[in-house]
Protein backbone atom coordinates (compact mmCIF):
# COMPACT_ATOMS: atom_id res chain seq x y z
CA UNK A 1 63.66 68.79 161.97
CA UNK A 2 61.79 72.08 161.14
CA UNK A 3 65.48 73.69 160.67
CA UNK A 4 66.44 71.07 158.63
CA UNK A 5 63.56 70.93 156.17
CA UNK A 6 64.03 75.15 155.77
CA UNK A 7 67.38 73.96 154.26
CA UNK A 8 66.43 71.33 152.38
CA UNK A 9 63.69 73.72 150.75
CA UNK A 10 66.49 76.60 150.34
CA UNK A 11 68.90 74.13 148.56
CA UNK A 12 66.15 73.07 145.95
CA UNK A 13 64.80 76.30 145.38
CA UNK A 14 65.60 77.80 142.34
CA UNK A 15 66.78 81.02 143.48
CA UNK A 16 69.84 79.41 144.81
CA UNK A 17 70.35 78.29 141.02
CA UNK A 18 72.80 80.11 138.11
CA UNK A 19 70.60 81.36 135.60
CA UNK A 20 71.45 80.54 131.81
CA UNK A 21 71.70 83.07 128.93
CA UNK A 22 69.04 82.18 126.60
CA UNK A 23 68.29 84.02 123.23
CA UNK A 24 64.83 86.21 123.44
CA UNK A 25 64.64 88.13 120.21
CA UNK A 26 67.10 88.97 117.18
CA UNK A 27 67.05 91.21 114.44
CA UNK A 28 68.96 92.54 111.66
CA UNK A 29 69.48 95.74 109.49
CA UNK A 30 71.73 96.47 106.16
CA UNK A 31 72.45 98.81 103.57
CA UNK A 32 73.47 97.64 100.22
CA UNK A 33 73.27 100.36 97.72
CA UNK A 34 77.14 101.92 98.88
CA UNK A 35 75.17 105.51 99.45
CA UNK A 36 76.89 107.53 102.42
CA UNK A 37 74.50 107.13 105.63
CA UNK A 38 74.24 108.81 108.72
CA UNK A 39 72.36 105.96 110.77
CA UNK A 40 71.01 102.81 110.40
CA UNK A 41 68.03 101.27 111.98
CA UNK A 42 66.29 97.63 112.58
CA UNK A 43 62.63 97.21 112.63
CA UNK A 44 61.69 97.63 116.41
CA UNK A 45 60.75 94.64 118.70
CA UNK A 46 59.62 93.75 121.97
CA UNK A 47 62.17 94.48 124.86
CA UNK A 48 61.95 92.92 127.95
CA UNK A 49 63.26 94.79 131.09
CA UNK A 50 66.08 93.54 132.37
CA UNK A 51 67.40 91.53 129.65
CA UNK A 52 71.27 92.32 127.64
CA UNK A 53 71.11 93.85 124.32
CA UNK A 54 74.18 92.94 122.04
CA UNK A 55 74.69 94.32 118.62
CA UNK A 56 77.45 93.01 116.29
CA UNK A 57 77.58 96.20 113.95
CA UNK A 58 79.66 95.93 110.51
CA UNK A 59 80.30 99.26 107.74
CA UNK A 60 83.11 99.58 105.12
CA UNK A 61 86.39 100.51 106.40
CA UNK A 62 86.65 103.19 103.46
CA UNK A 63 84.22 105.71 105.30
CA UNK A 64 83.52 106.11 109.32
CA UNK A 65 83.45 103.23 112.02
CA UNK A 66 79.97 102.94 113.87
CA UNK A 67 80.63 105.62 116.74
CA UNK A 68 77.35 104.50 119.01
CA UNK A 69 74.27 102.70 119.41
CA UNK A 70 71.27 104.00 120.93
CA UNK A 71 67.67 102.62 120.83
CA UNK A 72 64.30 104.18 121.58
CA UNK A 73 64.18 102.61 124.99
CA UNK A 74 66.62 104.78 125.87
CA UNK A 75 69.23 102.32 126.52
CA UNK A 76 73.16 102.88 127.44
CA UNK A 77 75.18 101.36 125.17
CA UNK A 78 78.90 100.25 125.81
CA UNK A 79 80.98 99.76 122.68
CA UNK A 80 83.95 96.96 122.97
CA UNK A 81 87.06 96.60 120.29
CA UNK A 82 86.55 98.41 116.88
CA UNK A 83 88.31 95.79 114.81
CA UNK A 84 89.66 97.21 111.32
CA UNK A 85 90.12 94.99 108.28
CA UNK A 86 88.91 95.76 104.49
CA UNK A 87 85.28 96.43 107.11
CA UNK A 88 85.07 97.23 110.41
CA UNK A 89 83.69 94.56 113.20
CA UNK A 90 82.78 96.10 116.34
CA UNK A 91 80.28 94.75 119.69
CA UNK A 92 78.28 97.27 121.69
CA UNK A 93 76.30 96.00 124.67
CA UNK A 94 72.98 97.70 127.14
CA UNK A 95 72.95 95.70 130.25
CA UNK A 96 70.01 95.87 132.62
CA UNK A 97 67.81 97.53 130.00
CA UNK A 98 64.90 99.34 130.35
CA UNK A 99 62.22 97.60 128.41
CA UNK A 100 60.00 98.88 125.17
CA UNK A 101 57.13 97.41 123.54
CA UNK A 102 58.48 98.33 120.35
CA UNK A 103 61.87 99.04 120.43
CA UNK A 104 63.94 100.08 117.49
CA UNK A 105 68.09 99.67 117.68
CA UNK A 106 69.90 102.60 115.47
CA UNK A 107 73.66 102.70 114.66
CA UNK A 108 74.93 106.41 114.10
CA UNK A 109 78.97 106.79 112.61
CA UNK A 110 81.57 108.47 114.26
CA UNK A 111 82.06 112.25 114.23
CA UNK A 112 85.12 112.65 112.77
CA UNK A 113 85.99 113.95 109.78
CA UNK A 114 82.98 112.78 106.95
CA UNK A 115 80.32 111.87 109.83
CA UNK A 116 79.31 108.83 107.11
CA UNK A 117 78.71 105.04 106.91
CA UNK A 118 79.11 103.19 103.76
CA UNK A 119 77.61 99.56 103.36
CA UNK A 120 76.47 99.27 107.55
CA UNK A 121 75.03 96.56 108.60
CA UNK A 122 74.20 95.15 112.21
CA UNK A 123 72.46 91.97 113.67
CA UNK A 124 70.89 92.79 117.35
CA UNK A 125 70.27 90.30 119.71
CA UNK A 126 68.92 90.15 123.36
CA UNK A 127 69.27 87.93 125.76
CA UNK A 128 67.73 86.49 129.15
CA UNK A 129 69.50 85.38 132.52
CA UNK A 130 72.64 87.71 132.00
CA UNK A 131 74.36 89.15 134.65
CA UNK A 132 72.81 92.77 134.99
CA UNK A 133 75.95 94.12 136.38
CA UNK A 134 78.98 92.49 134.45
CA UNK A 135 77.53 90.77 131.23
CA UNK A 136 80.31 90.64 128.86
CA UNK A 137 83.00 88.24 130.35
CA UNK A 138 85.57 88.40 127.68
CA UNK A 139 86.56 89.06 124.58
CA UNK A 140 88.08 87.00 122.24
CA UNK A 141 90.37 87.88 119.24
CA UNK A 142 91.50 86.08 116.29
CA UNK A 143 93.16 86.55 113.05
CA UNK A 144 92.13 89.58 110.70
CA UNK A 145 93.11 89.36 107.03
CA UNK A 146 92.71 87.87 103.69
CA UNK A 147 90.85 83.85 104.89
CA UNK A 148 89.24 81.27 104.35
CA UNK A 149 88.66 80.28 108.12
CA UNK A 150 88.20 82.37 111.16
CA UNK A 151 89.65 80.84 114.31
CA UNK A 152 89.21 82.52 117.77
CA UNK A 153 91.81 82.28 120.20
CA UNK A 154 90.85 79.37 123.24
CA UNK A 155 88.69 80.67 125.99
CA UNK A 156 87.25 78.89 129.16
CA UNK A 157 83.33 79.26 128.61
CA UNK A 158 81.42 79.03 132.17
CA UNK A 159 77.79 76.53 132.50
CA UNK A 160 75.08 78.70 131.61
CA UNK A 161 77.38 81.10 129.41
CA UNK A 162 76.99 81.92 125.73
CA UNK A 163 79.94 82.98 122.99
CA UNK A 164 78.92 85.00 120.30
CA UNK A 165 81.25 85.01 117.13
CA UNK A 166 80.78 88.19 114.75
CA UNK A 167 82.63 88.22 111.60
CA UNK A 168 82.09 90.22 108.65
CA UNK A 169 83.82 89.47 104.45
CA UNK A 170 84.90 91.92 102.01
CA UNK A 171 83.28 89.60 99.65
CA UNK A 172 80.40 87.11 99.59
CA UNK A 173 80.95 83.56 100.64
CA UNK A 174 78.14 81.03 102.28
CA UNK A 175 79.58 80.82 105.69
CA UNK A 176 79.59 77.19 108.04
CA UNK A 177 79.86 77.22 111.35
CA UNK A 178 82.22 75.12 113.03
CA UNK A 179 83.07 73.69 117.04
CA UNK A 180 79.51 73.19 117.79
CA UNK A 181 78.20 77.01 117.22
CA UNK A 182 74.90 77.52 115.06
CA UNK A 183 74.85 80.86 112.52
CA UNK A 184 71.77 82.82 114.40
CA UNK A 185 71.36 85.50 111.84
CA UNK A 186 73.34 86.18 108.35
CA UNK A 187 73.44 88.50 105.98
CA UNK A 188 74.85 86.08 102.87
CA UNK A 189 75.83 87.37 99.63
CA UNK A 190 77.51 84.18 97.74
CA UNK A 191 78.21 85.92 94.18
CA UNK A 192 78.44 89.38 95.71
CA UNK A 193 81.71 91.56 95.60
CA UNK A 194 80.26 93.74 98.13
CA UNK A 195 79.85 92.22 101.97
CA UNK A 196 78.22 89.27 103.95
CA UNK A 197 77.96 89.51 107.97
CA UNK A 198 76.99 86.82 110.36
CA UNK A 199 76.74 86.05 114.06
CA UNK A 200 76.93 82.66 115.45
CA UNK A 201 76.49 81.49 118.55
CA UNK A 202 76.68 78.21 121.57
CA UNK A 203 75.33 77.91 124.78
CA UNK A 204 76.94 75.59 127.41
CA UNK A 205 74.87 73.80 129.90
CA UNK A 206 78.56 73.10 131.42
CA UNK A 207 81.21 74.73 131.82
CA UNK A 208 84.30 73.86 129.37
CA UNK A 209 87.91 74.78 129.01
CA UNK A 210 89.93 76.27 126.27
CA UNK A 211 87.11 76.58 123.43
CA UNK A 212 87.77 77.95 120.21
CA UNK A 213 84.62 79.90 118.02
CA UNK A 214 84.93 79.09 114.21
CA UNK A 215 83.57 79.56 110.76
CA UNK A 216 85.01 79.19 107.49
CA UNK A 217 83.59 79.98 104.28
CA UNK A 218 84.57 78.87 100.14
CA UNK A 219 87.20 80.73 98.88
CA UNK A 220 89.80 83.52 101.18
CA UNK A 221 88.32 86.48 101.82
CA UNK A 222 89.29 90.10 103.44
CA UNK A 223 87.41 88.89 106.90
CA UNK A 224 86.99 91.01 110.13
CA UNK A 225 86.07 89.08 113.35
CA UNK A 226 85.52 89.02 116.96
CA UNK A 227 83.79 87.13 119.52
CA UNK A 228 82.74 87.55 122.99
CA UNK A 229 81.09 85.54 126.03
CA UNK A 230 78.57 86.82 127.41
CA UNK A 231 78.15 85.59 131.87
CA UNK A 232 74.99 84.36 133.10
CA UNK A 233 73.55 85.81 136.41
CA UNK A 234 71.50 84.48 139.46
CA UNK A 235 68.15 84.37 139.80
């Protein structure tokens, strides 16, 4: 009887359940003057130890791409693929972060040639519940070029996972999220010839097969985008 009760307690314990990825903080920063910069930083925010920080970075491809990301907590950021259209767009992430009461995230240009960025921007997002060792399950490609909509290749989403779509356009245009995605953070310039960028997200309570991430905007715009799937960990 005692063995049965212990087995029942273990089966009901939340320690045996998979964690769900949850958004706990997000910040945005941009530079719209066209000045050549050697760094761009967000306002500080409270970062929690053990979480995942992901950063969607963009900069005009007439200058240098983003070369590195760091924060005041001293976390190590890993780059994913660098996508180039009229703008560069690239994801960076730091896993199992140290935590900081006023964490400032900063992007820096690559150091080849003239080490400056033009029209840089970034969205910083912190998540709880992500796998602490290998939090990025996959990176999903999609079209780059003169488009009025962006749609990823199909991918599978695990229960408890999150998918993030980063997009940048060479001109203004109001974004419309598709496929149950939400525009979580964005800078939109509907009448500007500069740029717009955004991160869209979707959280999966149950696993799904052959999902796509998509977004549309007003008129054909030169667009660069890519999506990532954040893998849940265990409690």
